[in-house]
Amino acid sequence: MAEERGEALSVAAPSMSHMSATPSAHTGTPVAASEANDSIRRFVRARHGLAWTAQDMADYAALLEIWTLAVRAEVTEVVEAA
């Protein structure tokens, strides 16, 4: 991991506490796909080498759903702009 090698991430990605854990009840505040992707990476890295709990899997699924919604929104914006 970058932190173990003494390299800090340039920008901290949001944690689950900053993102809706239930994407279907999304707050309406759009999340950038890159931000959602960073959250997924941090989540997975934090659990490297550990057995995932049922809660970990549920949280990961929620992050994936948030990322999917963000990507779809960005694709829609590109298509509408074309």
C-alpha atoms as a PDB file:
ATOM      1  CA  MET A   1       0.000   0.000   0.000  1.00  0.00           C
ATOM      2  CA  ALA A   2       1.113   3.545  -0.635  1.00  0.00           C
ATOM      3  CA  GLU A   3       0.703   4.518   3.007  1.00  0.00           C
ATOM      4  CA  GLU A   4       2.944   1.640   4.139  1.00  0.00           C
ATOM      5  CA  ARG A   5       5.694   2.816   1.781  1.00  0.00           C
ATOM      6  CA  GLY A   6       5.450   6.329   3.222  1.00  0.00           C
ATOM      7  CA  GLU A   7       3.601   7.736   0.224  1.00  0.00           C
ATOM      8  CA  ALA A   8       0.495   9.693   1.092  1.00  0.00           C
ATOM      9  CA  LEU A   9      -2.462   9.900  -1.226  1.00  0.00           C
ATOM     10  CA  SER A  10      -2.766  13.391  -2.688  1.00  0.00           C
ATOM     11  CA  VAL A  11      -6.475  13.612  -1.903  1.00  0.00           C
ATOM     12  CA  ALA A  12      -8.344  11.573   0.663  1.00  0.00           C
ATOM     13  CA  ALA A  13     -11.246   9.686  -0.842  1.00  0.00           C
ATOM     14  CA  PRO A  14     -14.563   9.856   0.983  1.00  0.00           C
ATOM     15  CA  SER A  15     -15.404   7.088   3.378  1.00  0.00           C
ATOM     16  CA  MET A  16     -18.706   5.271   3.624  1.00  0.00           C
ATOM     17  CA  SER A  17     -19.786   7.849   6.198  1.00  0.00           C
ATOM     18  CA  HIS A  18     -19.778  10.493   3.452  1.00  0.00           C
ATOM     19  CA  MET A  19     -21.694   8.365   0.974  1.00  0.00           C
ATOM     20  CA  SER A  20     -25.161   6.955   1.123  1.00  0.00           C
ATOM     21  CA  ALA A  21     -25.035   3.360   2.328  1.00  0.00           C
ATOM     22  CA  THR A  22     -28.314   2.770   0.537  1.00  0.00           C
ATOM     23  CA  PRO A  23     -27.951   4.109  -2.997  1.00  0.00           C
ATOM     24  CA  SER A  24     -31.664   3.714  -3.704  1.00  0.00           C
ATOM     25  CA  ALA A  25     -32.222   6.321  -1.000  1.00  0.00           C
ATOM     26  CA  HIS A  26     -29.604   8.597  -2.575  1.00  0.00           C
ATOM     27  CA  THR A  27     -29.629  12.158  -1.275  1.00  0.00           C
ATOM     28  CA  GLY A  28     -29.704  13.656  -4.746  1.00  0.00           C
ATOM     29  CA  THR A  29     -26.190  15.020  -4.384  1.00  0.00           C
ATOM     30  CA  PRO A  30     -24.283  13.562  -7.325  1.00  0.00           C
ATOM     31  CA  VAL A  31     -21.107  11.640  -6.601  1.00  0.00           C
ATOM     32  CA  ALA A  32     -18.395  11.666  -9.263  1.00  0.00           C
ATOM     33  CA  ALA A  33     -17.495   8.230 -10.591  1.00  0.00           C
ATOM     34  CA  SER A  34     -13.836   8.896  -9.798  1.00  0.00           C
ATOM     35  CA  GLU A  35     -14.757   9.730  -6.191  1.00  0.00           C
ATOM     36  CA  ALA A  36     -16.821   6.556  -5.890  1.00  0.00           C
ATOM     37  CA  ASN A  37     -13.966   4.556  -7.446  1.00  0.00           C
ATOM     38  CA  ASP A  38     -11.492   6.012  -4.938  1.00  0.00           C
ATOM     39  CA  SER A  39     -13.820   5.005  -2.113  1.00  0.00           C
ATOM     40  CA  ILE A  40     -13.967   1.449  -3.425  1.00  0.00           C
ATOM     41  CA  ARG A  41     -10.170   1.269  -3.687  1.00  0.00           C
ATOM     42  CA  ARG A  42      -9.697   2.553  -0.139  1.00  0.00           C
ATOM     43  CA  PHE A  43     -12.343   0.177   1.174  1.00  0.00           C
ATOM     44  CA  VAL A  44     -10.691  -2.852  -0.458  1.00  0.00           C
ATOM     45  CA  ARG A  45      -7.159  -1.803   0.530  1.00  0.00           C
ATOM     46  CA  ALA A  46      -8.230  -1.384   4.159  1.00  0.00           C
ATOM     47  CA  ARG A  47      -9.340  -5.033   4.167  1.00  0.00           C
ATOM     48  CA  HIS A  48      -6.375  -6.497   2.261  1.00  0.00           C
ATOM     49  CA  GLY A  49      -5.589  -9.965   3.571  1.00  0.00           C
ATOM     50  CA  LEU A  50      -8.585 -10.042   5.903  1.00  0.00           C
ATOM     51  CA  ALA A  51     -11.678 -12.210   5.702  1.00  0.00           C
ATOM     52  CA  TRP A  52     -14.638 -10.036   4.792  1.00  0.00           C
ATOM     53  CA  THR A  53     -17.636 -10.008   7.083  1.00  0.00           C
ATOM     54  CA  ALA A  54     -21.206  -9.988   5.841  1.00  0.00           C
ATOM     55  CA  GLN A  55     -21.267  -6.270   6.676  1.00  0.00           C
ATOM     56  CA  ASP A  56     -18.102  -5.688   4.614  1.00  0.00           C
ATOM     57  CA  MET A  57     -19.730  -7.392   1.636  1.00  0.00           C
ATOM     58  CA  ALA A  58     -22.904  -5.343   2.069  1.00  0.00           C
ATOM     59  CA  ASP A  59     -20.900  -2.105   2.313  1.00  0.00           C
ATOM     60  CA  TYR A  60     -18.878  -3.077  -0.772  1.00  0.00           C
ATOM     61  CA  ALA A  61     -22.077  -3.818  -2.700  1.00  0.00           C
ATOM     62  CA  ALA A  62     -23.439  -0.408  -1.698  1.00  0.00           C
ATOM     63  CA  LEU A  63     -20.250   1.289  -2.901  1.00  0.00           C
ATOM     64  CA  LEU A  64     -20.468  -0.580  -6.212  1.00  0.00           C
ATOM     65  CA  GLU A  65     -24.055   0.535  -6.648  1.00  0.00           C
ATOM     66  CA  ILE A  66     -23.086   4.153  -5.931  1.00  0.00           C
ATOM     67  CA  TRP A  67     -20.267   3.860  -8.495  1.00  0.00           C
ATOM     68  CA  THR A  68     -22.655   2.346 -11.062  1.00  0.00           C
ATOM     69  CA  LEU A  69     -25.118   5.201 -10.598  1.00  0.00           C
ATOM     70  CA  ALA A  70     -22.303   7.746 -10.921  1.00  0.00           C
ATOM     71  CA  VAL A  71     -20.969   6.180 -14.136  1.00  0.00           C
ATOM     72  CA  ARG A  72     -24.451   6.023 -15.642  1.00  0.00           C
ATOM     73  CA  ALA A  73     -25.025   9.686 -14.786  1.00  0.00           C
ATOM     74  CA  GLU A  74     -21.725  10.685 -16.406  1.00  0.00           C
ATOM     75  CA  VAL A  75     -22.462   8.644 -19.540  1.00  0.00           C
ATOM     76  CA  THR A  76     -25.907  10.221 -19.754  1.00  0.00           C
ATOM     77  CA  GLU A  77     -24.343  13.690 -19.537  1.00  0.00           C
ATOM     78  CA  VAL A  78     -21.941  12.867 -22.381  1.00  0.00           C
ATOM     79  CA  VAL A  79     -24.688  11.421 -24.577  1.00  0.00           C
ATOM     80  CA  GLU A  80     -26.971  14.399 -23.953  1.00  0.00           C
ATOM     81  CA  ALA A  81     -24.145  16.804 -24.784  1.00  0.00           C
ATOM     82  CA  ALA A  82     -23.492  15.082 -28.122  1.00  0.00           C
END
